[in-house]
Amino acid sequence: MSLLDGILSQVNSNADVQNLAAKVGITPEQAESAIMALAQSHTAPGDTVEGAAASTGLGSDVLSQIVGHIGGEGSLGQFATLINGAENSGILGQLGGLASSLFGGGNKA
């Protein structure tokens, strides 16, 4: 998770996956999956939180809290740009695939 923490720190120096997970009451793995889903959903048409909720199975209330802890929609936009750039390099694409497989990517709750 250190790579994802590094990207988070570029957007919000107070955010890391472990602390974020503890603050919203989910596992670090769920937080990682949620962050990746929010970044992907941010650049897609429609509501960012609802899109991420559909792909992770986490509630929109939890995802909204994560957006708040990251620093809001503006910071999420910066984060999405950094994540998408890293995914294009192949590094986080593998991480996102792993998170998706762990949480049954695409399953709706």
PDB file of N, CA and C in Angstrom:
ATOM      1  N   MET A   1       0.808  -1.203   0.000  1.00  0.00           N
ATOM      2  CA  MET A   1       0.000   0.000   0.000  1.00  0.00           C
ATOM      3  C   MET A   1       0.847   1.262   0.000  1.00  0.00           C
ATOM      4  N   SER A   2       2.123   1.153   0.117  1.00  0.00           N
ATOM      5  CA  SER A   2       2.953   2.349   0.206  1.00  0.00           C
ATOM      6  C   SER A   2       2.883   3.193  -1.063  1.00  0.00           C
ATOM      7  N   LEU A   3       2.717   2.565  -2.239  1.00  0.00           N
ATOM      8  CA  LEU A   3       2.590   3.332  -3.476  1.00  0.00           C
ATOM      9  C   LEU A   3       1.329   4.186  -3.454  1.00  0.00           C
ATOM     10  N   LEU A   4       0.224   3.602  -3.032  1.00  0.00           N
ATOM     11  CA  LEU A   4      -1.028   4.347  -2.933  1.00  0.00           C
ATOM     12  C   LEU A   4      -0.924   5.433  -1.866  1.00  0.00           C
ATOM     13  N   ASP A   5      -0.258   5.134  -0.754  1.00  0.00           N
ATOM     14  CA  ASP A   5      -0.030   6.149   0.276  1.00  0.00           C
ATOM     15  C   ASP A   5       0.790   7.312  -0.273  1.00  0.00           C
ATOM     16  N   GLY A   6       1.776   7.003  -1.103  1.00  0.00           N
ATOM     17  CA  GLY A   6       2.594   8.050  -1.714  1.00  0.00           C
ATOM     18  C   GLY A   6       1.778   8.975  -2.587  1.00  0.00           C
ATOM     19  N   ILE A   7       0.869   8.402  -3.351  1.00  0.00           N
ATOM     20  CA  ILE A   7       0.003   9.224  -4.196  1.00  0.00           C
ATOM     21  C   ILE A   7      -0.961  10.030  -3.335  1.00  0.00           C
ATOM     22  N   LEU A   8      -1.514   9.402  -2.293  1.00  0.00           N
ATOM     23  CA  LEU A   8      -2.402  10.133  -1.382  1.00  0.00           C
ATOM     24  C   LEU A   8      -1.678  11.314  -0.747  1.00  0.00           C
ATOM     25  N   SER A   9      -0.423  11.125  -0.372  1.00  0.00           N
ATOM     26  CA  SER A   9       0.306  12.197   0.304  1.00  0.00           C
ATOM     27  C   SER A   9       0.569  13.379  -0.616  1.00  0.00           C
ATOM     28  N   GLN A  10       0.565  13.150  -1.930  1.00  0.00           N
ATOM     29  CA  GLN A  10       0.731  14.254  -2.874  1.00  0.00           C
ATOM     30  C   GLN A  10      -0.513  15.139  -2.913  1.00  0.00           C
ATOM     31  N   VAL A  11      -1.659  14.564  -2.553  1.00  0.00           N
ATOM     32  CA  VAL A  11      -2.918  15.300  -2.571  1.00  0.00           C
ATOM     33  C   VAL A  11      -3.238  15.864  -1.189  1.00  0.00           C
ATOM     34  N   ASN A  12      -3.036  15.046  -0.153  1.00  0.00           N
ATOM     35  CA  ASN A  12      -3.361  15.449   1.209  1.00  0.00           C
ATOM     36  C   ASN A  12      -2.322  14.827   2.128  1.00  0.00           C
ATOM     37  N   SER A  13      -1.468  15.638   2.710  1.00  0.00           N
ATOM     38  CA  SER A  13      -0.361  15.117   3.510  1.00  0.00           C
ATOM     39  C   SER A  13      -0.829  14.391   4.767  1.00  0.00           C
ATOM     40  N   ASN A  14      -2.089  14.559   5.157  1.00  0.00           N
ATOM     41  CA  ASN A  14      -2.604  13.905   6.358  1.00  0.00           C
ATOM     42  C   ASN A  14      -3.314  12.587   6.071  1.00  0.00           C
ATOM     43  N   ALA A  15      -3.386  12.164   4.828  1.00  0.00           N
ATOM     44  CA  ALA A  15      -4.135  10.960   4.477  1.00  0.00           C
ATOM     45  C   ALA A  15      -3.200   9.801   4.167  1.00  0.00           C
ATOM     46  N   ASP A  16      -3.502   8.653   4.755  1.00  0.00           N
ATOM     47  CA  ASP A  16      -2.888   7.405   4.333  1.00  0.00           C
ATOM     48  C   ASP A  16      -3.945   6.314   4.486  1.00  0.00           C
ATOM     49  N   VAL A  17      -3.737   5.213   3.821  1.00  0.00           N
ATOM     50  CA  VAL A  17      -4.758   4.177   3.724  1.00  0.00           C
ATOM     51  C   VAL A  17      -5.133   3.629   5.096  1.00  0.00           C
ATOM     52  N   GLN A  18      -4.145   3.327   5.933  1.00  0.00           N
ATOM     53  CA  GLN A  18      -4.417   2.752   7.253  1.00  0.00           C
ATOM     54  C   GLN A  18      -5.289   3.673   8.104  1.00  0.00           C
ATOM     55  N   ASN A  19      -4.886   4.949   8.191  1.00  0.00           N
ATOM     56  CA  ASN A  19      -5.639   5.907   9.008  1.00  0.00           C
ATOM     57  C   ASN A  19      -7.011   6.182   8.421  1.00  0.00           C
ATOM     58  N   LEU A  20      -7.086   6.282   7.116  1.00  0.00           N
ATOM     59  CA  LEU A  20      -8.357   6.515   6.449  1.00  0.00           C
ATOM     60  C   LEU A  20      -9.321   5.372   6.735  1.00  0.00           C
ATOM     61  N   ALA A  21      -8.837   4.153   6.637  1.00  0.00           N
ATOM     62  CA  ALA A  21      -9.665   2.978   6.920  1.00  0.00           C
ATOM     63  C   ALA A  21     -10.180   3.004   8.360  1.00  0.00           C
ATOM     64  N   ALA A  22      -9.297   3.321   9.294  1.00  0.00           N
ATOM     65  CA  ALA A  22      -9.696   3.370  10.708  1.00  0.00           C
ATOM     66  C   ALA A  22     -10.737   4.451  10.957  1.00  0.00           C
ATOM     67  N   LYS A  23     -10.588   5.599  10.298  1.00  0.00           N
ATOM     68  CA  LYS A  23     -11.521   6.709  10.501  1.00  0.00           C
ATOM     69  C   LYS A  23     -12.933   6.386  10.018  1.00  0.00           C
ATOM     70  N   VAL A  24     -13.050   5.600   8.950  1.00  0.00           N
ATOM     71  CA  VAL A  24     -14.378   5.326   8.405  1.00  0.00           C
ATOM     72  C   VAL A  24     -14.889   3.931   8.766  1.00  0.00           C
ATOM     73  N   GLY A  25     -14.083   3.157   9.503  1.00  0.00           N
ATOM     74  CA  GLY A  25     -14.530   1.867  10.009  1.00  0.00           C
ATOM     75  C   GLY A  25     -14.535   0.727   9.000  1.00  0.00           C
ATOM     76  N   ILE A  26     -13.548   0.718   8.107  1.00  0.00           N
ATOM     77  CA  ILE A  26     -13.413  -0.366   7.142  1.00  0.00           C
ATOM     78  C   ILE A  26     -11.983  -0.887   7.184  1.00  0.00           C
ATOM     79  N   THR A  27     -11.738  -1.979   6.500  1.00  0.00           N
ATOM     80  CA  THR A  27     -10.378  -2.524   6.459  1.00  0.00           C
ATOM     81  C   THR A  27      -9.515  -1.697   5.505  1.00  0.00           C
ATOM     82  N   PRO A  28      -8.205  -1.754   5.677  1.00  0.00           N
ATOM     83  CA  PRO A  28      -7.327  -1.057   4.728  1.00  0.00           C
ATOM     84  C   PRO A  28      -7.535  -1.535   3.284  1.00  0.00           C
ATOM     85  N   GLU A  29      -7.818  -2.815   3.114  1.00  0.00           N
ATOM     86  CA  GLU A  29      -8.053  -3.341   1.773  1.00  0.00           C
ATOM     87  C   GLU A  29      -9.310  -2.733   1.163  1.00  0.00           C
ATOM     88  N   GLN A  30     -10.362  -2.588   1.972  1.00  0.00           N
ATOM     89  CA  GLN A  30     -11.585  -1.955   1.488  1.00  0.00           C
ATOM     90  C   GLN A  30     -11.333  -0.483   1.168  1.00  0.00           C
ATOM     91  N   ALA A  31     -10.531   0.183   2.005  1.00  0.00           N
ATOM     92  CA  ALA A  31     -10.209   1.587   1.755  1.00  0.00           C
ATOM     93  C   ALA A  31      -9.452   1.731   0.448  1.00  0.00           C
ATOM     94  N   GLU A  32      -8.509   0.835   0.216  1.00  0.00           N
ATOM     95  CA  GLU A  32      -7.738   0.864  -1.023  1.00  0.00           C
ATOM     96  C   GLU A  32      -8.660   0.675  -2.233  1.00  0.00           C
ATOM     97  N   SER A  33      -9.556  -0.290  -2.132  1.00  0.00           N
ATOM     98  CA  SER A  33     -10.515  -0.541  -3.215  1.00  0.00           C
ATOM     99  C   SER A  33     -11.414   0.672  -3.431  1.00  0.00           C
ATOM    100  N   ALA A  34     -11.855   1.279  -2.336  1.00  0.00           N
ATOM    101  CA  ALA A  34     -12.725   2.450  -2.427  1.00  0.00           C
ATOM    102  C   ALA A  34     -12.015   3.630  -3.072  1.00  0.00           C
ATOM    103  N   ILE A  35     -10.777   3.862  -2.698  1.00  0.00           N
ATOM    104  CA  ILE A  35     -10.007   4.971  -3.264  1.00  0.00           C
ATOM    105  C   ILE A  35      -9.822   4.780  -4.763  1.00  0.00           C
ATOM    106  N   MET A  36      -9.479   3.563  -5.148  1.00  0.00           N
ATOM    107  CA  MET A  36      -9.306   3.277  -6.569  1.00  0.00           C
ATOM    108  C   MET A  36     -10.618   3.469  -7.322  1.00  0.00           C
ATOM    109  N   ALA A  37     -11.719   2.993  -6.743  1.00  0.00           N
ATOM    110  CA  ALA A  37     -13.030   3.126  -7.394  1.00  0.00           C
ATOM    111  C   ALA A  37     -13.451   4.588  -7.494  1.00  0.00           C
ATOM    112  N   LEU A  38     -13.187   5.371  -6.457  1.00  0.00           N
ATOM    113  CA  LEU A  38     -13.515   6.796  -6.497  1.00  0.00           C
ATOM    114  C   LEU A  38     -12.711   7.508  -7.582  1.00  0.00           C
ATOM    115  N   ALA A  39     -11.438   7.165  -7.693  1.00  0.00           N
ATOM    116  CA  ALA A  39     -10.593   7.790  -8.715  1.00  0.00           C
ATOM    117  C   ALA A  39     -11.098   7.452 -10.112  1.00  0.00           C
ATOM    118  N   GLN A  40     -11.471   6.203 -10.319  1.00  0.00           N
ATOM    119  CA  GLN A  40     -11.979   5.793 -11.629  1.00  0.00           C
ATOM    120  C   GLN A  40     -13.339   6.411 -11.911  1.00  0.00           C
ATOM    121  N   SER A  41     -14.187   6.445 -10.911  1.00  0.00           N
ATOM    122  CA  SER A  41     -15.539   6.974 -11.081  1.00  0.00           C
ATOM    123  C   SER A  41     -15.540   8.490 -11.261  1.00  0.00           C
ATOM    124  N   HIS A  42     -14.528   9.154 -10.721  1.00  0.00           N
ATOM    125  CA  HIS A  42     -14.460  10.613 -10.811  1.00  0.00           C
ATOM    126  C   HIS A  42     -14.365  11.088 -12.262  1.00  0.00           C
ATOM    127  N   THR A  43     -13.693  10.304 -13.080  1.00  0.00           N
ATOM    128  CA  THR A  43     -13.528  10.690 -14.478  1.00  0.00           C
ATOM    129  C   THR A  43     -14.636  10.149 -15.380  1.00  0.00           C
ATOM    130  N   ALA A  44     -15.538   9.352 -14.824  1.00  0.00           N
ATOM    131  CA  ALA A  44     -16.648   8.778 -15.602  1.00  0.00           C
ATOM    132  C   ALA A  44     -17.876   9.681 -15.487  1.00  0.00           C
ATOM    133  N   PRO A  45     -18.788   9.561 -16.445  1.00  0.00           N
ATOM    134  CA  PRO A  45     -20.040  10.334 -16.340  1.00  0.00           C
ATOM    135  C   PRO A  45     -20.851   9.878 -15.125  1.00  0.00           C
ATOM    136  N   GLY A  46     -21.614  10.775 -14.567  1.00  0.00           N
ATOM    137  CA  GLY A  46     -22.466  10.436 -13.429  1.00  0.00           C
ATOM    138  C   GLY A  46     -21.849  10.823 -12.102  1.00  0.00           C
ATOM    139  N   ASP A  47     -22.531  10.447 -11.052  1.00  0.00           N
ATOM    140  CA  ASP A  47     -22.118  10.769  -9.694  1.00  0.00           C
ATOM    141  C   ASP A  47     -20.925   9.907  -9.272  1.00  0.00           C
ATOM    142  N   THR A  48     -19.877  10.549  -8.803  1.00  0.00           N
ATOM    143  CA  THR A  48     -18.652   9.866  -8.409  1.00  0.00           C
ATOM    144  C   THR A  48     -18.891   8.848  -7.310  1.00  0.00           C
ATOM    145  N   VAL A  49     -19.558   9.253  -6.249  1.00  0.00           N
ATOM    146  CA  VAL A  49     -19.770   8.376  -5.099  1.00  0.00           C
ATOM    147  C   VAL A  49     -20.676   7.207  -5.472  1.00  0.00           C
ATOM    148  N   GLU A  50     -21.742   7.472  -6.200  1.00  0.00           N
ATOM    149  CA  GLU A  50     -22.652   6.391  -6.583  1.00  0.00           C
ATOM    150  C   GLU A  50     -21.965   5.389  -7.504  1.00  0.00           C
ATOM    151  N   GLY A  51     -21.142   5.876  -8.413  1.00  0.00           N
ATOM    152  CA  GLY A  51     -20.390   4.982  -9.289  1.00  0.00           C
ATOM    153  C   GLY A  51     -19.439   4.097  -8.517  1.00  0.00           C
ATOM    154  N   ALA A  52     -18.741   4.682  -7.552  1.00  0.00           N
ATOM    155  CA  ALA A  52     -17.815   3.912  -6.725  1.00  0.00           C
ATOM    156  C   ALA A  52     -18.570   2.928  -5.829  1.00  0.00           C
ATOM    157  N   ALA A  53     -19.726   3.334  -5.340  1.00  0.00           N
ATOM    158  CA  ALA A  53     -20.541   2.442  -4.498  1.00  0.00           C
ATOM    159  C   ALA A  53     -20.973   1.213  -5.300  1.00  0.00           C
ATOM    160  N   ALA A  54     -21.359   1.438  -6.544  1.00  0.00           N
ATOM    161  CA  ALA A  54     -21.796   0.324  -7.388  1.00  0.00           C
ATOM    162  C   ALA A  54     -20.663  -0.662  -7.650  1.00  0.00           C
ATOM    163  N   SER A  55     -19.441  -0.170  -7.758  1.00  0.00           N
ATOM    164  CA  SER A  55     -18.333  -1.067  -8.082  1.00  0.00           C
ATOM    165  C   SER A  55     -17.689  -1.716  -6.862  1.00  0.00           C
ATOM    166  N   THR A  56     -17.874  -1.128  -5.672  1.00  0.00           N
ATOM    167  CA  THR A  56     -17.234  -1.688  -4.474  1.00  0.00           C
ATOM    168  C   THR A  56     -18.194  -2.400  -3.539  1.00  0.00           C
ATOM    169  N   GLY A  57     -19.470  -2.041  -3.601  1.00  0.00           N
ATOM    170  CA  GLY A  57     -20.418  -2.594  -2.642  1.00  0.00           C
ATOM    171  C   GLY A  57     -20.420  -1.854  -1.316  1.00  0.00           C
ATOM    172  N   LEU A  58     -19.569  -0.842  -1.178  1.00  0.00           N
ATOM    173  CA  LEU A  58     -19.554  -0.026   0.036  1.00  0.00           C
ATOM    174  C   LEU A  58     -20.653   1.023  -0.053  1.00  0.00           C
ATOM    175  N   GLY A  59     -21.170   1.436   1.074  1.00  0.00           N
ATOM    176  CA  GLY A  59     -22.225   2.433   1.108  1.00  0.00           C
ATOM    177  C   GLY A  59     -21.745   3.802   0.693  1.00  0.00           C
ATOM    178  N   SER A  60     -22.654   4.575   0.115  1.00  0.00           N
ATOM    179  CA  SER A  60     -22.292   5.915  -0.328  1.00  0.00           C
ATOM    180  C   SER A  60     -21.901   6.810   0.849  1.00  0.00           C
ATOM    181  N   ASP A  61     -22.425   6.532   2.047  1.00  0.00           N
ATOM    182  CA  ASP A  61     -22.038   7.311   3.221  1.00  0.00           C
ATOM    183  C   ASP A  61     -20.561   7.117   3.555  1.00  0.00           C
ATOM    184  N   VAL A  62     -20.088   5.884   3.470  1.00  0.00           N
ATOM    185  CA  VAL A  62     -18.674   5.595   3.726  1.00  0.00           C
ATOM    186  C   VAL A  62     -17.804   6.241   2.658  1.00  0.00           C
ATOM    187  N   LEU A  63     -18.218   6.116   1.407  1.00  0.00           N
ATOM    188  CA  LEU A  63     -17.442   6.696   0.310  1.00  0.00           C
ATOM    189  C   LEU A  63     -17.421   8.220   0.388  1.00  0.00           C
ATOM    190  N   SER A  64     -18.511   8.826   0.799  1.00  0.00           N
ATOM    191  CA  SER A  64     -18.537  10.284   0.982  1.00  0.00           C
ATOM    192  C   SER A  64     -17.570  10.719   2.078  1.00  0.00           C
ATOM    193  N   GLN A  65     -17.488   9.913   3.141  1.00  0.00           N
ATOM    194  CA  GLN A  65     -16.527  10.215   4.208  1.00  0.00           C
ATOM    195  C   GLN A  65     -15.096  10.150   3.676  1.00  0.00           C
ATOM    196  N   ILE A  66     -14.828   9.160   2.838  1.00  0.00           N
ATOM    197  CA  ILE A  66     -13.491   9.020   2.265  1.00  0.00           C
ATOM    198  C   ILE A  66     -13.159  10.236   1.410  1.00  0.00           C
ATOM    199  N   VAL A  67     -14.102  10.669   0.589  1.00  0.00           N
ATOM    200  CA  VAL A  67     -13.886  11.866  -0.236  1.00  0.00           C
ATOM    201  C   VAL A  67     -13.557  13.051   0.672  1.00  0.00           C
ATOM    202  N   GLY A  68     -14.285  13.192   1.766  1.00  0.00           N
ATOM    203  CA  GLY A  68     -14.030  14.277   2.711  1.00  0.00           C
ATOM    204  C   GLY A  68     -12.647  14.198   3.329  1.00  0.00           C
ATOM    205  N   HIS A  69     -12.223  12.994   3.708  1.00  0.00           N
ATOM    206  CA  HIS A  69     -10.906  12.824   4.318  1.00  0.00           C
ATOM    207  C   HIS A  69      -9.772  13.044   3.318  1.00  0.00           C
ATOM    208  N   ILE A  70     -10.033  12.737   2.056  1.00  0.00           N
ATOM    209  CA  ILE A  70      -9.018  12.985   1.030  1.00  0.00           C
ATOM    210  C   ILE A  70      -8.853  14.484   0.813  1.00  0.00           C
ATOM    211  N   GLY A  71      -9.927  15.240   1.021  1.00  0.00           N
ATOM    212  CA  GLY A  71      -9.851  16.690   0.862  1.00  0.00           C
ATOM    213  C   GLY A  71     -10.945  17.248  -0.028  1.00  0.00           C
ATOM    214  N   GLY A  72     -11.983  16.467  -0.295  1.00  0.00           N
ATOM    215  CA  GLY A  72     -13.104  16.945  -1.095  1.00  0.00           C
ATOM    216  C   GLY A  72     -12.948  16.627  -2.572  1.00  0.00           C
ATOM    217  N   GLU A  73     -13.910  17.118  -3.337  1.00  0.00           N
ATOM    218  CA  GLU A  73     -13.954  16.836  -4.781  1.00  0.00           C
ATOM    219  C   GLU A  73     -12.727  17.367  -5.522  1.00  0.00           C
ATOM    220  N   GLY A  74     -12.233  18.536  -5.135  1.00  0.00           N
ATOM    221  CA  GLY A  74     -11.056  19.093  -5.803  1.00  0.00           C
ATOM    222  C   GLY A  74      -9.839  18.211  -5.624  1.00  0.00           C
ATOM    223  N   SER A  75      -9.616  17.762  -4.394  1.00  0.00           N
ATOM    224  CA  SER A  75      -8.490  16.876  -4.129  1.00  0.00           C
ATOM    225  C   SER A  75      -8.703  15.526  -4.799  1.00  0.00           C
ATOM    226  N   LEU A  76      -9.949  15.070  -4.843  1.00  0.00           N
ATOM    227  CA  LEU A  76     -10.239  13.812  -5.522  1.00  0.00           C
ATOM    228  C   LEU A  76      -9.898  13.912  -7.008  1.00  0.00           C
ATOM    229  N   GLY A  77     -10.152  15.063  -7.604  1.00  0.00           N
ATOM    230  CA  GLY A  77      -9.789  15.272  -9.007  1.00  0.00           C
ATOM    231  C   GLY A  77      -8.294  15.164  -9.220  1.00  0.00           C
ATOM    232  N   GLN A  78      -7.510  15.791  -8.322  1.00  0.00           N
ATOM    233  CA  GLN A  78      -6.052  15.689  -8.407  1.00  0.00           C
ATOM    234  C   GLN A  78      -5.616  14.238  -8.228  1.00  0.00           C
ATOM    235  N   PHE A  79      -6.220  13.582  -7.253  1.00  0.00           N
ATOM    236  CA  PHE A  79      -5.891  12.197  -6.961  1.00  0.00           C
ATOM    237  C   PHE A  79      -6.221  11.302  -8.157  1.00  0.00           C
ATOM    238  N   ALA A  80      -7.382  11.531  -8.765  1.00  0.00           N
ATOM    239  CA  ALA A  80      -7.789  10.740  -9.932  1.00  0.00           C
ATOM    240  C   ALA A  80      -6.780  10.906 -11.067  1.00  0.00           C
ATOM    241  N   THR A  81      -6.298  12.122 -11.266  1.00  0.00           N
ATOM    242  CA  THR A  81      -5.298  12.370 -12.306  1.00  0.00           C
ATOM    243  C   THR A  81      -4.016  11.597 -12.014  1.00  0.00           C
ATOM    244  N   LEU A  82      -3.570  11.624 -10.761  1.00  0.00           N
ATOM    245  CA  LEU A  82      -2.356  10.895 -10.387  1.00  0.00           C
ATOM    246  C   LEU A  82      -2.553   9.389 -10.507  1.00  0.00           C
ATOM    247  N   ILE A  83      -3.701   8.892 -10.041  1.00  0.00           N
ATOM    248  CA  ILE A  83      -3.998   7.455 -10.114  1.00  0.00           C
ATOM    249  C   ILE A  83      -4.070   7.008 -11.560  1.00  0.00           C
ATOM    250  N   ASN A  84      -4.793   7.746 -12.374  1.00  0.00           N
ATOM    251  CA  ASN A  84      -4.946   7.355 -13.773  1.00  0.00           C
ATOM    252  C   ASN A  84      -3.606   7.386 -14.498  1.00  0.00           C
ATOM    253  N   GLY A  85      -2.745   8.319 -14.156  1.00  0.00           N
ATOM    254  CA  GLY A  85      -1.409   8.345 -14.732  1.00  0.00           C
ATOM    255  C   GLY A  85      -0.592   7.136 -14.308  1.00  0.00           C
ATOM    256  N   ALA A  86      -0.717   6.749 -13.046  1.00  0.00           N
ATOM    257  CA  ALA A  86       0.000   5.569 -12.548  1.00  0.00           C
ATOM    258  C   ALA A  86      -0.570   4.297 -13.164  1.00  0.00           C
ATOM    259  N   GLU A  87      -1.899   4.243 -13.345  1.00  0.00           N
ATOM    260  CA  GLU A  87      -2.505   3.078 -13.976  1.00  0.00           C
ATOM    261  C   GLU A  87      -2.024   2.936 -15.409  1.00  0.00           C
ATOM    262  N   ASN A  88      -1.882   4.053 -16.091  1.00  0.00           N
ATOM    263  CA  ASN A  88      -1.405   3.998 -17.469  1.00  0.00           C
ATOM    264  C   ASN A  88       0.024   3.476 -17.548  1.00  0.00           C
ATOM    265  N   SER A  89       0.768   3.629 -16.449  1.00  0.00           N
ATOM    266  CA  SER A  89       2.126   3.089 -16.430  1.00  0.00           C
ATOM    267  C   SER A  89       2.125   1.608 -16.072  1.00  0.00           C
ATOM    268  N   GLY A  90       0.961   1.081 -15.690  1.00  0.00           N
ATOM    269  CA  GLY A  90       0.832  -0.343 -15.409  1.00  0.00           C
ATOM    270  C   GLY A  90       0.952  -0.719 -13.951  1.00  0.00           C
ATOM    271  N   ILE A  91       1.513   0.140 -13.123  1.00  0.00           N
ATOM    272  CA  ILE A  91       1.752  -0.200 -11.721  1.00  0.00           C
ATOM    273  C   ILE A  91       0.451  -0.351 -10.959  1.00  0.00           C
ATOM    274  N   LEU A  92      -0.374   0.685 -10.973  1.00  0.00           N
ATOM    275  CA  LEU A  92      -1.605   0.628 -10.201  1.00  0.00           C
ATOM    276  C   LEU A  92      -2.712  -0.127 -10.912  1.00  0.00           C
ATOM    277  N   GLY A  93      -2.570  -0.370 -12.187  1.00  0.00           N
ATOM    278  CA  GLY A  93      -3.540  -1.200 -12.878  1.00  0.00           C
ATOM    279  C   GLY A  93      -3.568  -2.583 -12.264  1.00  0.00           C
ATOM    280  N   GLN A  94      -2.403  -3.079 -11.917  1.00  0.00           N
ATOM    281  CA  GLN A  94      -2.312  -4.375 -11.258  1.00  0.00           C
ATOM    282  C   GLN A  94      -2.903  -4.303  -9.859  1.00  0.00           C
ATOM    283  N   LEU A  95      -2.646  -3.232  -9.135  1.00  0.00           N
ATOM    284  CA  LEU A  95      -3.181  -3.042  -7.800  1.00  0.00           C
ATOM    285  C   LEU A  95      -4.700  -2.937  -7.841  1.00  0.00           C
ATOM    286  N   GLY A  96      -5.223  -2.170  -8.792  1.00  0.00           N
ATOM    287  CA  GLY A  96      -6.666  -2.040  -8.933  1.00  0.00           C
ATOM    288  C   GLY A  96      -7.321  -3.358  -9.284  1.00  0.00           C
ATOM    289  N   GLY A  97      -6.678  -4.147 -10.129  1.00  0.00           N
ATOM    290  CA  GLY A  97      -7.200  -5.465 -10.478  1.00  0.00           C
ATOM    291  C   GLY A  97      -7.237  -6.386  -9.285  1.00  0.00           C
ATOM    292  N   LEU A  98      -6.205  -6.320  -8.452  1.00  0.00           N
ATOM    293  CA  LEU A  98      -6.168  -7.124  -7.245  1.00  0.00           C
ATOM    294  C   LEU A  98      -7.282  -6.710  -6.293  1.00  0.00           C
ATOM    295  N   ALA A  99      -7.443  -5.411  -6.083  1.00  0.00           N
ATOM    296  CA  ALA A  99      -8.498  -4.925  -5.189  1.00  0.00           C
ATOM    297  C   ALA A  99      -9.863  -5.332  -5.720  1.00  0.00           C
ATOM    298  N   SER A 100     -10.052  -5.240  -7.007  1.00  0.00           N
ATOM    299  CA  SER A 100     -11.330  -5.602  -7.615  1.00  0.00           C
ATOM    300  C   SER A 100     -11.617  -7.081  -7.407  1.00  0.00           C
ATOM    301  N   SER A 101     -10.614  -7.923  -7.580  1.00  0.00           N
ATOM    302  CA  SER A 101     -10.841  -9.360  -7.410  1.00  0.00           C
ATOM    303  C   SER A 101     -11.087  -9.712  -5.965  1.00  0.00           C
ATOM    304  N   LEU A 102     -10.446  -8.993  -5.032  1.00  0.00           N
ATOM    305  CA  LEU A 102     -10.656  -9.260  -3.612  1.00  0.00           C
ATOM    306  C   LEU A 102     -12.072  -8.931  -3.168  1.00  0.00           C
ATOM    307  N   PHE A 103     -12.660  -7.890  -3.762  1.00  0.00           N
ATOM    308  CA  PHE A 103     -13.970  -7.447  -3.318  1.00  0.00           C
ATOM    309  C   PHE A 103     -15.041  -7.688  -4.361  1.00  0.00           C
ATOM    310  N   GLY A 104     -14.783  -8.595  -5.286  1.00  0.00           N
ATOM    311  CA  GLY A 104     -15.793  -8.978  -6.268  1.00  0.00           C
ATOM    312  C   GLY A 104     -16.223  -7.842  -7.141  1.00  0.00           C
ATOM    313  N   GLY A 105     -15.265  -7.068  -7.655  1.00  0.00           N
ATOM    314  CA  GLY A 105     -15.527  -5.887  -8.476  1.00  0.00           C
ATOM    315  C   GLY A 105     -16.769  -6.022  -9.314  1.00  0.00           C
ATOM    316  N   GLY A 106     -17.641  -5.047  -9.209  1.00  0.00           N
ATOM    317  CA  GLY A 106     -18.869  -5.023  -9.984  1.00  0.00           C
ATOM    318  C   GLY A 106     -20.062  -5.534  -9.224  1.00  0.00           C
ATOM    319  N   ASN A 107     -19.869  -6.195  -8.086  1.00  0.00           N
ATOM    320  CA  ASN A 107     -21.011  -6.664  -7.312  1.00  0.00           C
ATOM    321  C   ASN A 107     -21.686  -5.494  -6.626  1.00  0.00           C
ATOM    322  N   LYS A 108     -22.984  -5.485  -6.661  1.00  0.00           N
ATOM    323  CA  LYS A 108     -23.736  -4.408  -6.017  1.00  0.00           C
ATOM    324  C   LYS A 108     -24.280  -4.890  -4.690  1.00  0.00           C
ATOM    325  N   ALA A 109     -24.263  -3.996  -3.710  1.00  0.00           N
ATOM    326  CA  ALA A 109     -24.796  -4.347  -2.389  1.00  0.00           C
ATOM    327  C   ALA A 109     -26.201  -3.849  -2.245  1.00  0.00           C
TER     328      ALA A 109
END
